[in-house]
Structure formats: structure tokens, C-alpha cells
């Protein structure tokens, strides 16, 4: 458990008494669009804020807390009959209400809470939570040339070894954001919930999307873990989605190696030795398995249906020797 952890909290929001009432329907939103646009245009000033002398004011404080639980299993087979094997598995869950006090460190813009007056509402999966992680490492000494002597056996047949490292892990959580709303005169309103807090993070706004269970709205591709479809909230309203409600694709990777070891000399100059030589051939991403991730916060904006959920291949080496 972690307490008094760093968090980023805007402390000079717009006052609800100075704002248009939140929209109650799409028709109501359209009818009062000019009012919402006028309020949004005061973003850079203090006229609608708690303290009108300033625009957005951000506080870095120790208000966050976290909780981590895990089940960890391990199996190890010591070297015998040429085989060394180690397997580990972790099933874990990390929960917090802020994973960083510096929002720009999060490339998907999670660092600014949607409701700055109640950080408990931001309680959810940590940005770095990984539910499942499986790791297998192994070495196998090939049993060629046992009992054989002579230079042919020593330099060509004996001393071969296979190695492998296999990793599988779940994807990390991510937010789904509303994204800007179109307004009058081809303008847009970035601050959908009109709380005055749009700077600090990577995302243009801290307003989350609405999570729908009735199938309306946008869906994420099958590679993601997601139980909802998503839509934009009406102006002046917070999104109904919780923090880090969806999860990116996981990772599967196998690296392998083939080595040949042999002794050059039992003794060398100045009584040194033995002198050994090892030749290695290493195959990174042996399965040539592609991995994908969300490369930009723009791909988690409901306002961008054309790029919503678009994945980018993870930069990695193909099968190589």
C-alpha cells in the first residue's frame, strides 16, 4: 500500500454558478451552443474561475494513494541431464487514484483528474498495471558427442547449447477521452466538461468518454480488452467512464540462442587458463510475432472515429542471427 503519493490537481476551476447549466440532451446542447462557446473562450482568463486573478493553477501535492496485490509462482529445475529451466508467473493488480504527479510523463494523458475536487473518483487501475505476466527461461546442453575424444569431437560435435526466453504479459490500461466537440463558426470546444482544466497533460482535455452497455457509440478493435462502447458526453458534463477503463493489447515474445563452447588451451602464459571460446547465434523475436500499441492520445478520442483504436506496430527486431 502506498500513501501520500504525488498527484497533479488543478485548484482554480470554473465556478458552476458562472457557467451555463450542463446540457441535458443533444437538442438542448445545440440550442445553447453559443453560450457554451462563450464560456469556453474565457479559458485563458480568470473571469469565470474561483480566483479571477489567475487562469488555470495546478498543485503538485501528496494526495494520492495506491494498493498492490499479487500472486507469484515460480518453478526452477536445476541443471541436470543438460537441462536448466525456470518458470515464473505473476497475477497482480495495482490500483491508485494518480499514477504520476507530472502528467506529461504519461503519453496517453492520464495525469489530470476529471473531477479535481474528488480524487477518489479517479481511483482505478494504475497506468502500469499488468494483470498477467509469464516468463520462461531455459538452457539445454545438446547431448552430442558424449564420451568422444579428439579434436573433431571437441571443436565440432561437443559443447552445443540451446537457450530460450519466452515472455507473455497483458497490455497496460488506458483512458478513453471525449475529445473536442464541434461548435459554431467551425470552432471547437476542447473543454467538454467546462471545468477550466485543459492544460498540464498530453490530452487536450481531461473529460472522459461515456461508457455505454447498450451497444451505441464506437467500439475498440478486438485486440483491446474492453467491455463498453464509447460516446461523447454532452457539453458541461463529465464522462461516465472510469479511469483506465480499457486495456491495450498484450505482448508475446520469444528470444532464442544457439551457442558453441570449447576449450582452446588448458593452460596459457603465466599459468593462466583454461582459455575458452564461445560462439553465439542469437535470434531476437524468434517467432517474428508483431506487437502493437496505441502511439498517440489522438487514437483514444471518441471525437476522432476515423483513428479511434488505431494501433501502431511496436518497433522491434525481426528474426535475426
Protein backbone atom coordinates (compact mmCIF):
# COMPACT_ATOMS: atom_id res chain seq x y z
CA UNK A 1 0.00 0.00 0.00
CA UNK A 2 1.24 3.48 -0.87
CA UNK A 3 0.14 6.68 0.80
CA UNK A 4 0.94 10.36 0.35
CA UNK A 5 1.94 9.78 -3.27
CA UNK A 6 2.42 12.58 -5.76
CA UNK A 7 -0.59 13.89 -7.66
CA UNK A 8 -1.40 16.76 -10.01
CA UNK A 9 -4.55 18.71 -9.10
CA UNK A 10 -5.89 21.89 -10.77
CA UNK A 11 -7.12 24.21 -7.99
CA UNK A 12 -8.64 27.18 -9.83
CA UNK A 13 -11.58 25.72 -11.78
CA UNK A 14 -14.53 27.42 -13.39
CA UNK A 15 -17.35 28.10 -10.95
CA UNK A 16 -20.57 26.30 -11.81
CA UNK A 17 -22.56 29.41 -10.84
CA UNK A 18 -20.87 31.36 -13.65
CA UNK A 19 -21.40 28.71 -16.33
CA UNK A 20 -24.33 27.69 -18.48
CA UNK A 21 -26.21 24.75 -16.99
CA UNK A 22 -24.94 21.39 -18.32
CA UNK A 23 -26.68 20.24 -21.47
CA UNK A 24 -29.45 17.71 -20.85
CA UNK A 25 -29.94 16.47 -24.40
CA UNK A 26 -28.45 16.79 -27.85
CA UNK A 27 -31.19 19.26 -28.78
CA UNK A 28 -30.53 21.34 -25.67
CA UNK A 29 -26.80 21.34 -26.41
CA UNK A 30 -27.37 22.55 -29.97
CA UNK A 31 -29.80 25.26 -28.87
CA UNK A 32 -27.32 26.72 -26.35
CA UNK A 33 -24.11 26.13 -28.28
CA UNK A 34 -23.28 29.84 -28.40
CA UNK A 35 -23.44 30.00 -24.58
CA UNK A 36 -21.06 27.09 -24.21
CA UNK A 37 -18.69 28.56 -26.79
CA UNK A 38 -18.64 31.91 -24.96
CA UNK A 39 -17.81 30.20 -21.67
CA UNK A 40 -15.03 28.15 -23.26
CA UNK A 41 -13.45 31.28 -24.72
CA UNK A 42 -12.86 32.50 -21.15
CA UNK A 43 -10.48 29.58 -20.58
CA UNK A 44 -7.35 31.72 -20.70
CA UNK A 45 -8.76 34.39 -18.38
CA UNK A 46 -9.88 34.28 -14.78
CA UNK A 47 -13.33 35.78 -15.17
CA UNK A 48 -15.19 32.51 -14.59
CA UNK A 49 -12.78 30.99 -12.10
CA UNK A 50 -12.67 30.52 -8.37
CA UNK A 51 -9.91 33.15 -8.15
CA UNK A 52 -10.41 35.54 -11.09
CA UNK A 53 -6.85 36.87 -10.77
CA UNK A 54 -5.44 33.73 -12.37
CA UNK A 55 -6.16 31.28 -15.16
CA UNK A 56 -5.55 27.58 -14.55
CA UNK A 57 -3.48 26.93 -11.40
CA UNK A 58 -2.00 23.47 -10.79
CA UNK A 59 -0.95 22.00 -7.46
CA UNK A 60 1.52 19.13 -7.14
CA UNK A 61 0.74 17.52 -3.82
CA UNK A 62 0.80 14.21 -1.93
CA UNK A 63 -2.91 13.37 -2.06
CA UNK A 64 -2.69 10.10 -4.00
CA UNK A 65 -2.66 6.56 -2.66
CA UNK A 66 -2.24 3.10 -4.13
CA UNK A 67 -2.76 -0.57 -3.42
CA UNK A 68 -1.00 -3.57 -4.96
CA UNK A 69 -1.76 -7.27 -4.57
CA UNK A 70 -0.26 -10.22 -6.40
CA UNK A 71 0.06 -13.97 -6.57
CA UNK A 72 3.56 -15.02 -7.58
CA UNK A 73 4.50 -18.55 -8.56
CA UNK A 74 7.91 -19.89 -9.51
CA UNK A 75 9.39 -23.19 -10.60
CA UNK A 76 13.08 -23.90 -11.02
CA UNK A 77 14.79 -27.00 -12.33
CA UNK A 78 18.47 -27.06 -11.54
CA UNK A 79 20.90 -28.18 -14.20
CA UNK A 80 20.61 -31.93 -14.65
CA UNK A 81 20.79 -34.09 -17.73
CA UNK A 82 21.81 -30.95 -19.58
CA UNK A 83 18.59 -29.03 -18.85
CA UNK A 84 18.17 -25.86 -16.77
CA UNK A 85 14.65 -24.45 -16.57
CA UNK A 86 12.99 -21.57 -14.69
CA UNK A 87 9.33 -20.55 -14.92
CA UNK A 88 7.61 -17.67 -13.15
CA UNK A 89 4.06 -16.35 -13.24
CA UNK A 90 2.57 -13.25 -11.63
CA UNK A 91 -1.11 -12.43 -11.34
CA UNK A 92 -1.43 -8.94 -9.95
CA UNK A 93 -3.50 -5.81 -9.65
CA UNK A 94 -2.32 -2.28 -8.98
CA UNK A 95 -4.91 0.38 -8.13
CA UNK A 96 -4.38 4.07 -7.46
CA UNK A 97 -6.02 7.44 -7.94
CA UNK A 98 -2.99 9.02 -9.64
CA UNK A 99 -0.01 7.26 -11.21
CA UNK A 100 2.12 10.35 -11.67
CA UNK A 101 2.40 13.92 -10.43
CA UNK A 102 3.72 15.02 -13.82
CA UNK A 103 1.04 14.45 -16.50
CA UNK A 104 3.39 14.99 -19.43
CA UNK A 105 5.18 11.77 -18.42
CA UNK A 106 2.09 9.83 -19.49
CA UNK A 107 1.90 9.68 -23.27
CA UNK A 108 -1.84 8.95 -23.15
CA UNK A 109 -2.61 11.96 -20.99
CA UNK A 110 -3.89 10.39 -17.78
CA UNK A 111 -2.39 12.84 -15.31
CA UNK A 112 -5.18 15.45 -14.94
CA UNK A 113 -8.18 14.13 -12.93
CA UNK A 114 -11.61 14.57 -14.48
CA UNK A 115 -13.01 15.73 -11.12
CA UNK A 116 -10.28 17.69 -9.35
CA UNK A 117 -12.39 18.22 -6.21
CA UNK A 118 -12.81 14.49 -5.57
CA UNK A 119 -9.69 12.48 -6.37
CA UNK A 120 -11.41 9.32 -5.14
CA UNK A 121 -13.44 9.31 -8.37
CA UNK A 122 -10.15 8.79 -10.24
CA UNK A 123 -9.48 5.55 -8.40
CA UNK A 124 -8.84 2.83 -10.95
CA UNK A 125 -6.17 0.64 -12.46
CA UNK A 126 -2.68 2.10 -12.32
CA UNK A 127 -1.17 3.20 -15.62
CA UNK A 128 1.44 0.43 -15.26
CA UNK A 129 -0.89 -2.37 -14.10
CA UNK A 130 -0.17 -5.73 -15.79
CA UNK A 131 -2.62 -8.45 -14.81
CA UNK A 132 -0.71 -11.47 -16.11
CA UNK A 133 2.99 -11.94 -16.68
CA UNK A 134 4.56 -15.27 -17.63
CA UNK A 135 8.30 -15.77 -18.04
CA UNK A 136 10.12 -18.94 -19.08
CA UNK A 137 13.88 -19.20 -19.40
CA UNK A 138 15.71 -22.35 -20.30
CA UNK A 139 19.08 -23.77 -21.33
CA UNK A 140 19.64 -27.19 -22.86
CA UNK A 141 23.07 -28.70 -23.47
CA UNK A 142 22.76 -30.86 -26.57
CA UNK A 143 23.93 -34.40 -25.84
CA UNK A 144 26.09 -34.77 -28.92
CA UNK A 145 29.48 -36.40 -28.74
CA UNK A 146 29.29 -37.78 -25.21
CA UNK A 147 32.30 -39.97 -24.50
CA UNK A 148 34.02 -38.97 -27.70
CA UNK A 149 37.60 -37.67 -27.71
CA UNK A 150 39.79 -35.97 -30.23
CA UNK A 151 39.79 -32.60 -31.97
CA UNK A 152 36.77 -33.35 -34.20
CA UNK A 153 34.58 -34.08 -31.19
CA UNK A 154 35.95 -31.13 -29.22
CA UNK A 155 35.70 -28.48 -31.91
CA UNK A 156 32.70 -29.62 -33.97
CA UNK A 157 30.42 -32.03 -32.12
CA UNK A 158 30.51 -31.30 -28.40
CA UNK A 159 29.62 -28.15 -26.47
CA UNK A 160 26.42 -27.05 -28.25
CA UNK A 161 23.72 -25.36 -26.17
CA UNK A 162 20.22 -24.03 -26.88
CA UNK A 163 18.74 -21.12 -24.90
CA UNK A 164 15.29 -19.52 -24.84
CA UNK A 165 13.48 -16.65 -23.09
CA UNK A 166 9.70 -16.58 -23.55
CA UNK A 167 7.63 -13.66 -22.22
CA UNK A 168 3.88 -13.10 -22.26
CA UNK A 169 2.20 -10.22 -20.46
CA UNK A 170 -1.14 -8.42 -20.50
CA UNK A 171 -1.43 -4.97 -22.02
CA UNK A 172 -1.46 -1.83 -19.88
CA UNK A 173 -4.65 0.14 -19.08
CA UNK A 174 -5.66 3.31 -20.89
CA UNK A 175 -8.29 6.03 -20.74
CA UNK A 176 -10.90 6.75 -23.38
CA UNK A 177 -11.34 10.50 -23.79
CA UNK A 178 -14.21 12.51 -25.22
CA UNK A 179 -12.05 14.71 -27.41
CA UNK A 180 -13.13 18.15 -28.74
CA UNK A 181 -16.72 18.94 -29.66
CA UNK A 182 -17.59 20.94 -32.79
CA UNK A 183 -19.08 24.36 -32.14
CA UNK A 184 -20.35 27.35 -34.08
CA UNK A 185 -18.43 29.06 -36.91
CA UNK A 186 -16.28 25.93 -37.47
CA UNK A 187 -14.77 26.30 -33.99
CA UNK A 188 -14.40 23.50 -31.47
CA UNK A 189 -14.75 23.25 -27.71
CA UNK A 190 -11.85 21.31 -26.22
CA UNK A 191 -13.01 21.64 -22.61
CA UNK A 192 -16.11 19.46 -22.93
CA UNK A 193 -16.96 19.35 -19.22
CA UNK A 194 -16.24 23.10 -18.90
CA UNK A 195 -14.22 22.78 -15.70
CA UNK A 196 -11.49 25.11 -16.97
CA UNK A 197 -8.79 22.43 -16.70
CA UNK A 198 -7.31 21.67 -20.10
CA UNK A 199 -3.56 22.14 -19.65
CA UNK A 200 -0.95 20.01 -17.95
CA UNK A 201 -1.39 16.66 -19.64
CA UNK A 202 -0.89 15.30 -23.13
CA UNK A 203 -4.63 15.13 -23.83
CA UNK A 204 -6.33 18.37 -24.87
CA UNK A 205 -8.89 17.90 -22.10
CA UNK A 206 -9.49 15.75 -19.03
CA UNK A 207 -13.08 14.88 -19.98
CA UNK A 208 -13.51 11.12 -20.28
CA UNK A 209 -15.91 9.45 -22.70
CA UNK A 210 -19.29 7.99 -21.84
CA UNK A 211 -19.22 4.20 -21.36
CA UNK A 212 -22.26 2.53 -22.93
CA UNK A 213 -23.54 -1.00 -22.41
CA UNK A 214 -26.33 -0.80 -25.00
CA UNK A 215 -24.01 -1.04 -28.00
CA UNK A 216 -24.31 2.59 -29.13
CA UNK A 217 -21.17 4.53 -29.93
CA UNK A 218 -17.69 3.49 -31.04
CA UNK A 219 -16.12 0.11 -30.34
CA UNK A 220 -12.46 -0.72 -29.91
CA UNK A 221 -10.91 -3.41 -32.15
CA UNK A 222 -10.80 -6.97 -30.85
CA UNK A 223 -7.12 -6.72 -29.84
CA UNK A 224 -8.13 -4.47 -26.94
CA UNK A 225 -9.76 -5.57 -23.69
CA UNK A 226 -12.93 -3.51 -23.38
CA UNK A 227 -16.47 -4.11 -22.08
CA UNK A 228 -18.10 -0.97 -23.46
CA UNK A 229 -18.83 1.15 -26.48
CA UNK A 230 -17.99 4.83 -26.24
CA UNK A 231 -19.57 8.19 -27.00
CA UNK A 232 -19.03 11.87 -26.17
CA UNK A 233 -20.74 13.39 -23.14
CA UNK A 234 -22.90 16.45 -23.58
CA UNK A 235 -21.27 19.83 -23.01
CA UNK A 236 -20.88 20.73 -19.35
CA UNK A 237 -20.95 17.09 -18.24
CA UNK A 238 -18.25 14.68 -17.13
CA UNK A 239 -17.91 11.39 -18.98
CA UNK A 240 -19.31 8.30 -17.28
CA UNK A 241 -16.25 6.12 -17.95
CA UNK A 242 -13.93 5.36 -15.10
CA UNK A 243 -10.21 5.96 -15.27
CA UNK A 244 -8.16 3.43 -17.28
CA UNK A 245 -11.31 1.56 -18.27
CA UNK A 246 -9.81 -0.24 -21.31
CA UNK A 247 -6.61 -2.19 -21.85
CA UNK A 248 -4.14 -2.24 -24.73
CA UNK A 249 -3.04 -5.47 -26.49
CA UNK A 250 -0.61 -7.71 -24.68
CA UNK A 251 2.92 -8.76 -25.57
CA UNK A 252 4.25 -12.16 -26.64
CA UNK A 253 7.93 -12.53 -27.45
CA UNK A 254 10.46 -15.35 -27.76
CA UNK A 255 14.22 -14.86 -27.93
CA UNK A 256 16.45 -17.87 -28.55
CA UNK A 257 20.12 -18.63 -28.91
CA UNK A 258 22.49 -21.32 -30.10
CA UNK A 259 26.00 -21.38 -28.62
CA UNK A 260 29.11 -23.46 -29.12
CA UNK A 261 31.71 -23.56 -26.37
CA UNK A 262 35.08 -25.25 -26.45
CA UNK A 263 38.40 -25.09 -24.69
CA UNK A 264 41.34 -23.69 -26.64
CA UNK A 265 44.04 -24.34 -24.06
CA UNK A 266 44.03 -25.86 -20.62
CA UNK A 267 46.91 -23.59 -19.62
CA UNK A 268 48.26 -20.38 -21.02
CA UNK A 269 51.05 -17.86 -20.37
CA UNK A 270 51.89 -17.12 -16.74
CA UNK A 271 49.94 -20.19 -15.63
CA UNK A 272 46.64 -18.69 -16.87
CA UNK A 273 43.76 -20.74 -18.14
CA UNK A 274 41.85 -22.58 -19.11
CA UNK A 275 41.27 -20.48 -22.22
CA UNK A 276 37.75 -20.94 -23.60
CA UNK A 277 35.99 -19.63 -26.69
CA UNK A 278 32.24 -19.31 -27.21
CA UNK A 279 30.45 -18.69 -30.49
CA UNK A 280 26.87 -17.36 -30.24
CA UNK A 281 23.97 -17.04 -32.63
CA UNK A 282 21.05 -15.14 -31.09
CA UNK A 283 17.57 -14.90 -32.58
CA UNK A 284 15.55 -11.97 -31.27
CA UNK A 285 11.79 -12.24 -31.71
CA UNK A 286 12.25 -15.76 -32.99
CA UNK A 287 8.57 -16.16 -33.86
CA UNK A 288 8.62 -12.85 -35.74
CA UNK A 289 5.48 -12.03 -33.78
CA UNK A 290 4.24 -8.43 -34.22
CA UNK A 291 3.23 -6.39 -31.18
CA UNK A 292 1.05 -3.28 -31.25
CA UNK A 293 0.30 -0.31 -29.02
CA UNK A 294 -1.57 2.99 -29.03
CA UNK A 295 1.03 5.50 -30.12
CA UNK A 296 -0.96 8.72 -29.70
CA UNK A 297 -3.65 10.09 -27.42
CA UNK A 298 -5.48 11.14 -30.60
CA UNK A 299 -6.32 7.47 -31.11
CA UNK A 300 -8.36 7.32 -27.89
CA UNK A 301 -10.54 10.36 -28.65
CA UNK A 302 -14.15 9.45 -29.39
CA UNK A 303 -14.25 12.66 -31.44
CA UNK A 304 -11.89 11.02 -33.97
CA UNK A 305 -13.86 7.99 -35.25
CA UNK A 306 -11.51 7.51 -38.21
CA UNK A 307 -8.49 6.93 -35.95
CA UNK A 308 -10.22 5.63 -32.82
CA UNK A 309 -8.45 2.49 -31.64
CA UNK A 310 -5.82 2.55 -34.39
CA UNK A 311 -2.74 0.57 -33.35
CA UNK A 312 0.91 1.12 -34.25
CA UNK A 313 3.41 -1.74 -34.62
CA UNK A 314 5.91 -1.78 -31.78
CA UNK A 315 9.42 -1.10 -33.03
CA UNK A 316 11.26 -4.38 -32.67
CA UNK A 317 13.80 -6.56 -34.41
CA UNK A 318 12.66 -9.30 -36.70
CA UNK A 319 14.09 -12.79 -36.51
CA UNK A 320 17.85 -12.26 -36.81
CA UNK A 321 21.07 -14.10 -36.41
